[in-house]
Amino acid sequence: MKPYIISHMMISVDGRIDCPMVGQLSTDEYYVALEKLGPCSKLSGRVTTALECTAVKEETTPETGNAVGRESVHVARQSDEYTIVVDTHGKLRWQADEADGHPILCIVSEQVSETYLETLRSQGISWIANGKERIDLPKAMEVLYEHFGVRRLAIVGGGHICGGFLEAGLIDEVSIMVAPGIDGREGQTAVFDGITRQECNPFRLKLESVEQWDSGIVWLRYKTRKDE
């Protein structure tokens, strides 16, 4: 069992998601649509979190010490919704135990140190540690469902996180808001990025709805077609 997972992203017409660039095109509509998706925990990667989350104190090198080396789960407190961060090597340092009004939950790999997890524990922050070299996303989603009661999850950034979840076959719905503008800069991250397995391409979708907003934004919602 796993949560129902929605990738919800605002993009330029050319599919780029750089936050400052998209922010110049529109911001409020993104959060209005996010609310319309219904109650759900929000998940983002380390880069997006470091850029946007005020609960982050700093981003630094991983703490040294003995690696955990095993799956570990700590529930600091139960909640209807969580602010979830994928931080493979434990580079983020925190100055609060919640963000956007919800408890922080860190998903890390088993490479992080025992010291880092003890720091999270002392700060009242929950964690899931699994995967020897990289996070085992399917297993982490099972833990979210079983231990934290997460039934709906929205991925809110960034491109490599969305790509990783897509490649793992975990995304149930794709919610895309196309803002009326073009980025065009070379090397900018796309909404789904970093997939290396050529046999995965393409991922087929089924269009569920289209909305045109007064601001010029078009909101597209798709279901993933996992039978193909």
C-alpha atoms as a PDB file:
ATOM      1  CA  MET A   1       0.000   0.000   0.000  1.00  0.00           C
ATOM      2  CA  LYS A   2       1.160   3.526  -0.793  1.00  0.00           C
ATOM      3  CA  PRO A   3      -0.329   7.035  -0.885  1.00  0.00           C
ATOM      4  CA  TYR A   4      -2.141   8.369  -3.930  1.00  0.00           C
ATOM      5  CA  ILE A   5       0.613  10.511  -5.460  1.00  0.00           C
ATOM      6  CA  ILE A   6       0.108  13.670  -7.521  1.00  0.00           C
ATOM      7  CA  SER A   7       2.902  15.622  -9.193  1.00  0.00           C
ATOM      8  CA  HIS A   8       1.789  19.275  -9.092  1.00  0.00           C
ATOM      9  CA  MET A   9       4.043  21.754 -10.896  1.00  0.00           C
ATOM     10  CA  MET A  10       3.945  25.200 -12.476  1.00  0.00           C
ATOM     11  CA  ILE A  11       5.938  25.404 -15.715  1.00  0.00           C
ATOM     12  CA  SER A  12       6.733  27.797 -18.516  1.00  0.00           C
ATOM     13  CA  VAL A  13       5.469  26.979 -22.019  1.00  0.00           C
ATOM     14  CA  ASP A  14       8.814  25.291 -22.735  1.00  0.00           C
ATOM     15  CA  GLY A  15       8.470  23.040 -19.677  1.00  0.00           C
ATOM     16  CA  ARG A  16      10.999  24.707 -17.349  1.00  0.00           C
ATOM     17  CA  ILE A  17      10.418  25.012 -13.607  1.00  0.00           C
ATOM     18  CA  ASP A  18      13.077  27.401 -12.284  1.00  0.00           C
ATOM     19  CA  CYS A  19      11.321  28.934  -9.270  1.00  0.00           C
ATOM     20  CA  PRO A  20      12.356  32.616  -9.685  1.00  0.00           C
ATOM     21  CA  MET A  21      11.499  32.511 -13.389  1.00  0.00           C
ATOM     22  CA  VAL A  22       8.090  30.912 -12.858  1.00  0.00           C
ATOM     23  CA  GLY A  23       7.458  33.285  -9.965  1.00  0.00           C
ATOM     24  CA  GLN A  24       7.651  36.220 -12.387  1.00  0.00           C
ATOM     25  CA  LEU A  25       4.889  34.647 -14.476  1.00  0.00           C
ATOM     26  CA  SER A  26       2.546  33.631 -11.661  1.00  0.00           C
ATOM     27  CA  THR A  27       2.504  32.260  -8.131  1.00  0.00           C
ATOM     28  CA  ASP A  28      -0.927  32.575  -6.497  1.00  0.00           C
ATOM     29  CA  GLU A  29      -2.701  30.334  -8.986  1.00  0.00           C
ATOM     30  CA  TYR A  30      -0.335  27.484  -8.202  1.00  0.00           C
ATOM     31  CA  TYR A  31      -1.386  27.451  -4.544  1.00  0.00           C
ATOM     32  CA  VAL A  32      -5.064  27.914  -5.382  1.00  0.00           C
ATOM     33  CA  ALA A  33      -4.893  24.795  -7.559  1.00  0.00           C
ATOM     34  CA  LEU A  34      -2.926  22.949  -4.878  1.00  0.00           C
ATOM     35  CA  GLU A  35      -5.759  23.586  -2.427  1.00  0.00           C
ATOM     36  CA  LYS A  36      -8.248  22.292  -4.991  1.00  0.00           C
ATOM     37  CA  LEU A  37      -6.368  18.984  -5.088  1.00  0.00           C
ATOM     38  CA  GLY A  38      -7.648  18.384  -1.558  1.00  0.00           C
ATOM     39  CA  PRO A  39      -5.875  17.691   1.761  1.00  0.00           C
ATOM     40  CA  CYS A  40      -2.521  16.035   1.161  1.00  0.00           C
ATOM     41  CA  SER A  41       1.027  16.003   2.471  1.00  0.00           C
ATOM     42  CA  LYS A  42       3.523  17.980   0.371  1.00  0.00           C
ATOM     43  CA  LEU A  43       6.870  16.540  -0.747  1.00  0.00           C
ATOM     44  CA  SER A  44       9.855  18.290  -2.284  1.00  0.00           C
ATOM     45  CA  GLY A  45      13.528  17.616  -2.882  1.00  0.00           C
ATOM     46  CA  ARG A  46      16.521  19.091  -1.087  1.00  0.00           C
ATOM     47  CA  VAL A  47      17.256  21.807  -3.659  1.00  0.00           C
ATOM     48  CA  THR A  48      13.700  23.145  -3.748  1.00  0.00           C
ATOM     49  CA  THR A  49      13.419  22.953   0.043  1.00  0.00           C
ATOM     50  CA  ALA A  50      16.680  24.839   0.609  1.00  0.00           C
ATOM     51  CA  LEU A  51      15.469  27.546  -1.775  1.00  0.00           C
ATOM     52  CA  GLU A  52      11.917  27.992  -0.504  1.00  0.00           C
ATOM     53  CA  CYS A  53      11.479  26.578   3.023  1.00  0.00           C
ATOM     54  CA  THR A  54      11.959  29.046   5.905  1.00  0.00           C
ATOM     55  CA  ALA A  55      12.429  26.171   8.372  1.00  0.00           C
ATOM     56  CA  VAL A  56      15.844  25.430   6.825  1.00  0.00           C
ATOM     57  CA  LYS A  57      18.716  26.902   8.815  1.00  0.00           C
ATOM     58  CA  GLU A  58      21.452  26.042   6.311  1.00  0.00           C
ATOM     59  CA  GLU A  59      22.620  23.518   3.759  1.00  0.00           C
ATOM     60  CA  THR A  60      26.020  21.995   4.457  1.00  0.00           C
ATOM     61  CA  THR A  61      28.119  18.877   3.964  1.00  0.00           C
ATOM     62  CA  PRO A  62      26.805  15.628   5.481  1.00  0.00           C
ATOM     63  CA  GLU A  63      27.747  14.979   9.089  1.00  0.00           C
ATOM     64  CA  THR A  64      30.588  12.520   9.574  1.00  0.00           C
ATOM     65  CA  GLY A  65      30.281   9.443  11.743  1.00  0.00           C
ATOM     66  CA  ASN A  66      29.010   5.905  11.546  1.00  0.00           C
ATOM     67  CA  ALA A  67      26.411   5.428   8.836  1.00  0.00           C
ATOM     68  CA  VAL A  68      23.030   4.125   9.930  1.00  0.00           C
ATOM     69  CA  GLY A  69      23.411   1.165   7.563  1.00  0.00           C
ATOM     70  CA  ARG A  70      19.884  -0.130   8.136  1.00  0.00           C
ATOM     71  CA  GLU A  71      16.294   0.908   7.642  1.00  0.00           C
ATOM     72  CA  SER A  72      15.164   3.242  10.395  1.00  0.00           C
ATOM     73  CA  VAL A  73      11.852   4.995  11.063  1.00  0.00           C
ATOM     74  CA  HIS A  74      11.086   7.619  13.704  1.00  0.00           C
ATOM     75  CA  VAL A  75       7.632   9.112  14.202  1.00  0.00           C
ATOM     76  CA  ALA A  76       8.113  12.306  16.203  1.00  0.00           C
ATOM     77  CA  ARG A  77       4.389  13.067  16.081  1.00  0.00           C
ATOM     78  CA  GLN A  78       1.372  12.045  14.060  1.00  0.00           C
ATOM     79  CA  SER A  79      -0.394  14.533  11.832  1.00  0.00           C
ATOM     80  CA  ASP A  80      -3.071  14.663   9.147  1.00  0.00           C
ATOM     81  CA  GLU A  81      -0.507  16.286   6.811  1.00  0.00           C
ATOM     82  CA  TYR A  82       3.286  16.522   6.692  1.00  0.00           C
ATOM     83  CA  THR A  83       5.886  18.671   4.996  1.00  0.00           C
ATOM     84  CA  ILE A  84       8.103  15.949   3.530  1.00  0.00           C
ATOM     85  CA  VAL A  85      11.658  16.483   2.312  1.00  0.00           C
ATOM     86  CA  VAL A  86      13.778  14.050   0.291  1.00  0.00           C
ATOM     87  CA  ASP A  87      17.364  14.708   1.448  1.00  0.00           C
ATOM     88  CA  THR A  88      19.407  11.645   0.473  1.00  0.00           C
ATOM     89  CA  HIS A  89      22.651  12.524   2.277  1.00  0.00           C
ATOM     90  CA  GLY A  90      21.261  14.623   5.133  1.00  0.00           C
ATOM     91  CA  LYS A  91      22.649  17.999   4.054  1.00  0.00           C
ATOM     92  CA  LEU A  92      19.885  20.207   5.432  1.00  0.00           C
ATOM     93  CA  ARG A  93      20.007  21.686   8.929  1.00  0.00           C
ATOM     94  CA  TRP A  94      16.763  22.806  10.532  1.00  0.00           C
ATOM     95  CA  GLN A  95      15.716  25.690  12.759  1.00  0.00           C
ATOM     96  CA  ALA A  96      12.112  24.532  13.220  1.00  0.00           C
ATOM     97  CA  ASP A  97      10.261  21.225  13.393  1.00  0.00           C
ATOM     98  CA  GLU A  98       7.448  22.274  11.072  1.00  0.00           C
ATOM     99  CA  ALA A  99       6.932  24.181   7.837  1.00  0.00           C
ATOM    100  CA  ASP A 100       3.771  25.567   6.254  1.00  0.00           C
ATOM    101  CA  GLY A 101       1.933  24.606   9.420  1.00  0.00           C
ATOM    102  CA  HIS A 102       2.770  20.907   9.254  1.00  0.00           C
ATOM    103  CA  PRO A 103       5.421  18.700  10.916  1.00  0.00           C
ATOM    104  CA  ILE A 104       8.615  18.109   8.939  1.00  0.00           C
ATOM    105  CA  LEU A 105       9.375  14.552   7.856  1.00  0.00           C
ATOM    106  CA  CYS A 106      12.789  13.811   6.314  1.00  0.00           C
ATOM    107  CA  ILE A 107      13.384  10.908   3.920  1.00  0.00           C
ATOM    108  CA  VAL A 108      17.080  10.016   3.808  1.00  0.00           C
ATOM    109  CA  SER A 109      19.252   7.072   2.765  1.00  0.00           C
ATOM    110  CA  GLU A 110      20.979   4.635   5.088  1.00  0.00           C
ATOM    111  CA  GLN A 111      24.240   6.472   4.333  1.00  0.00           C
ATOM    112  CA  VAL A 112      23.395   9.270   6.767  1.00  0.00           C
ATOM    113  CA  SER A 113      25.129   9.193  10.125  1.00  0.00           C
ATOM    114  CA  GLU A 114      23.625   8.134  13.427  1.00  0.00           C
ATOM    115  CA  THR A 115      24.574  11.600  14.672  1.00  0.00           C
ATOM    116  CA  TYR A 116      22.402  13.270  12.049  1.00  0.00           C
ATOM    117  CA  LEU A 117      19.387  11.182  12.975  1.00  0.00           C
ATOM    118  CA  GLU A 118      19.914  11.919  16.659  1.00  0.00           C
ATOM    119  CA  THR A 119      19.933  15.614  15.800  1.00  0.00           C
ATOM    120  CA  LEU A 120      16.597  15.222  14.027  1.00  0.00           C
ATOM    121  CA  ARG A 121      15.240  13.309  17.023  1.00  0.00           C
ATOM    122  CA  SER A 122      16.316  16.051  19.430  1.00  0.00           C
ATOM    123  CA  GLN A 123      14.541  18.617  17.253  1.00  0.00           C
ATOM    124  CA  GLY A 124      11.307  16.655  17.149  1.00  0.00           C
ATOM    125  CA  ILE A 125      11.610  15.845  13.428  1.00  0.00           C
ATOM    126  CA  SER A 126      10.393  12.545  11.981  1.00  0.00           C
ATOM    127  CA  TRP A 127      12.436  10.522   9.516  1.00  0.00           C
ATOM    128  CA  ILE A 128      12.470   7.538   7.204  1.00  0.00           C
ATOM    129  CA  ALA A 129      15.955   6.167   6.433  1.00  0.00           C
ATOM    130  CA  ASN A 130      16.144   3.457   3.784  1.00  0.00           C
ATOM    131  CA  GLY A 131      18.165   2.431   0.736  1.00  0.00           C
ATOM    132  CA  LYS A 132      21.853   1.560   0.862  1.00  0.00           C
ATOM    133  CA  GLU A 133      23.160   3.960  -1.806  1.00  0.00           C
ATOM    134  CA  ARG A 134      20.034   5.850  -2.779  1.00  0.00           C
ATOM    135  CA  ILE A 135      16.587   6.134  -1.265  1.00  0.00           C
ATOM    136  CA  ASP A 136      14.285   3.245  -2.045  1.00  0.00           C
ATOM    137  CA  LEU A 137      11.281   5.353  -3.048  1.00  0.00           C
ATOM    138  CA  PRO A 138       8.708   2.524  -3.326  1.00  0.00           C
ATOM    139  CA  LYS A 139       9.622   1.264   0.145  1.00  0.00           C
ATOM    140  CA  ALA A 140       9.614   4.801   1.562  1.00  0.00           C
ATOM    141  CA  MET A 141       6.083   5.315   0.224  1.00  0.00           C
ATOM    142  CA  GLU A 142       4.961   2.102   1.913  1.00  0.00           C
ATOM    143  CA  VAL A 143       6.404   3.375   5.197  1.00  0.00           C
ATOM    144  CA  LEU A 144       4.635   6.722   4.743  1.00  0.00           C
ATOM    145  CA  TYR A 145       1.361   4.878   4.338  1.00  0.00           C
ATOM    146  CA  GLU A 146       1.847   2.379   7.156  1.00  0.00           C
ATOM    147  CA  HIS A 147       3.629   4.376   9.872  1.00  0.00           C
ATOM    148  CA  PHE A 148       2.519   7.952   9.188  1.00  0.00           C
ATOM    149  CA  GLY A 149      -0.961   7.374   7.757  1.00  0.00           C
ATOM    150  CA  VAL A 150      -0.256   9.400   4.593  1.00  0.00           C
ATOM    151  CA  ARG A 151      -3.010   8.641   2.084  1.00  0.00           C
ATOM    152  CA  ARG A 152      -2.541  11.495  -0.397  1.00  0.00           C
ATOM    153  CA  LEU A 153       0.744  13.096  -1.372  1.00  0.00           C
ATOM    154  CA  ALA A 154       1.538  16.035  -3.666  1.00  0.00           C
ATOM    155  CA  ILE A 155       5.046  16.343  -5.112  1.00  0.00           C
ATOM    156  CA  VAL A 156       5.754  20.070  -5.350  1.00  0.00           C
ATOM    157  CA  GLY A 157       9.361  20.094  -6.609  1.00  0.00           C
ATOM    158  CA  GLY A 158      11.746  19.697  -8.194  1.00  0.00           C
ATOM    159  CA  GLY A 159      12.361  18.101 -11.551  1.00  0.00           C
ATOM    160  CA  HIS A 160      14.688  15.295 -10.464  1.00  0.00           C
ATOM    161  CA  ILE A 161      12.342  14.280  -7.646  1.00  0.00           C
ATOM    162  CA  CYS A 162       9.401  14.199 -10.064  1.00  0.00           C
ATOM    163  CA  GLY A 163      11.532  12.216 -12.499  1.00  0.00           C
ATOM    164  CA  GLY A 164      12.579   9.735  -9.828  1.00  0.00           C
ATOM    165  CA  PHE A 165       9.000   9.096  -8.731  1.00  0.00           C
ATOM    166  CA  LEU A 166       7.858   8.754 -12.337  1.00  0.00           C
ATOM    167  CA  GLU A 167      10.652   6.312 -13.170  1.00  0.00           C
ATOM    168  CA  ALA A 168       9.728   4.247 -10.104  1.00  0.00           C
ATOM    169  CA  GLY A 169       6.114   4.016 -11.306  1.00  0.00           C
ATOM    170  CA  LEU A 170       4.780   5.798  -8.227  1.00  0.00           C
ATOM    171  CA  ILE A 171       2.907   8.764  -9.727  1.00  0.00           C
ATOM    172  CA  ASP A 172      -0.856   8.349 -10.081  1.00  0.00           C
ATOM    173  CA  GLU A 173      -1.720  11.822 -11.358  1.00  0.00           C
ATOM    174  CA  VAL A 174       0.119  14.645 -13.126  1.00  0.00           C
ATOM    175  CA  SER A 175      -1.114  18.182 -12.450  1.00  0.00           C
ATOM    176  CA  ILE A 176       0.552  20.762 -14.683  1.00  0.00           C
ATOM    177  CA  MET A 177      -0.065  24.519 -14.688  1.00  0.00           C
ATOM    178  CA  VAL A 178       1.311  26.083 -17.869  1.00  0.00           C
ATOM    179  CA  ALA A 179       2.133  29.741 -17.242  1.00  0.00           C
ATOM    180  CA  PRO A 180       2.020  32.225 -20.144  1.00  0.00           C
ATOM    181  CA  GLY A 181       5.735  32.678 -20.708  1.00  0.00           C
ATOM    182  CA  ILE A 182       8.874  31.067 -22.125  1.00  0.00           C
ATOM    183  CA  ASP A 183      12.177  30.505 -20.309  1.00  0.00           C
ATOM    184  CA  GLY A 184      14.446  29.465 -23.174  1.00  0.00           C
ATOM    185  CA  ARG A 185      17.694  29.409 -21.166  1.00  0.00           C
ATOM    186  CA  GLU A 186      20.000  26.510 -21.852  1.00  0.00           C
ATOM    187  CA  GLY A 187      20.410  23.837 -19.182  1.00  0.00           C
ATOM    188  CA  GLN A 188      17.380  24.697 -17.042  1.00  0.00           C
ATOM    189  CA  THR A 189      15.581  21.877 -15.229  1.00  0.00           C
ATOM    190  CA  ALA A 190      12.440  20.478 -16.806  1.00  0.00           C
ATOM    191  CA  VAL A 191       9.358  19.382 -14.914  1.00  0.00           C
ATOM    192  CA  PHE A 192      10.458  15.731 -15.166  1.00  0.00           C
ATOM    193  CA  ASP A 193      14.221  15.369 -15.352  1.00  0.00           C
ATOM    194  CA  GLY A 194      17.087  12.980 -14.738  1.00  0.00           C
ATOM    195  CA  ILE A 195      15.592   9.733 -16.067  1.00  0.00           C
ATOM    196  CA  THR A 196      18.357   7.618 -17.591  1.00  0.00           C
ATOM    197  CA  ARG A 197      16.573   4.345 -18.399  1.00  0.00           C
ATOM    198  CA  GLN A 198      15.781   4.698 -22.082  1.00  0.00           C
ATOM    199  CA  GLU A 199      13.305   1.828 -21.981  1.00  0.00           C
ATOM    200  CA  CYS A 200      11.067   3.923 -19.720  1.00  0.00           C
ATOM    201  CA  ASN A 201      10.352   6.446 -22.458  1.00  0.00           C
ATOM    202  CA  PRO A 202       7.659   7.558 -23.102  1.00  0.00           C
ATOM    203  CA  PHE A 203       5.350   7.591 -20.084  1.00  0.00           C
ATOM    204  CA  ARG A 204       1.777   7.617 -21.355  1.00  0.00           C
ATOM    205  CA  LEU A 205      -0.935   9.748 -19.773  1.00  0.00           C
ATOM    206  CA  LYS A 206      -4.725   9.996 -19.960  1.00  0.00           C
ATOM    207  CA  LEU A 207      -6.102  13.535 -20.029  1.00  0.00           C
ATOM    208  CA  GLU A 208      -8.693  14.086 -17.294  1.00  0.00           C
ATOM    209  CA  SER A 209      -9.400  17.827 -17.412  1.00  0.00           C
ATOM    210  CA  VAL A 210      -8.347  21.190 -18.870  1.00  0.00           C
ATOM    211  CA  GLU A 211      -9.015  24.599 -17.297  1.00  0.00           C
ATOM    212  CA  GLN A 212      -8.161  28.003 -18.752  1.00  0.00           C
ATOM    213  CA  TRP A 213      -7.718  30.703 -16.117  1.00  0.00           C
ATOM    214  CA  ASP A 214      -8.163  34.468 -16.554  1.00  0.00           C
ATOM    215  CA  SER A 215      -4.442  34.991 -15.942  1.00  0.00           C
ATOM    216  CA  GLY A 216      -3.635  33.016 -19.103  1.00  0.00           C
ATOM    217  CA  ILE A 217      -2.616  29.891 -17.182  1.00  0.00           C
ATOM    218  CA  VAL A 218      -3.831  26.530 -18.459  1.00  0.00           C
ATOM    219  CA  TRP A 219      -4.275  23.799 -15.825  1.00  0.00           C
ATOM    220  CA  LEU A 220      -3.946  20.267 -17.169  1.00  0.00           C
ATOM    221  CA  ARG A 221      -4.663  17.126 -15.143  1.00  0.00           C
ATOM    222  CA  TYR A 222      -3.703  13.653 -16.302  1.00  0.00           C
ATOM    223  CA  LYS A 223      -3.841  10.139 -14.896  1.00  0.00           C
ATOM    224  CA  THR A 224      -0.847   7.929 -15.536  1.00  0.00           C
ATOM    225  CA  ARG A 225      -1.503   4.867 -17.704  1.00  0.00           C
ATOM    226  CA  LYS A 226       0.333   2.174 -15.796  1.00  0.00           C
ATOM    227  CA  ASP A 227      -1.081  -0.606 -17.932  1.00  0.00           C
ATOM    228  CA  GLU A 228       1.144   0.405 -20.862  1.00  0.00           C
END
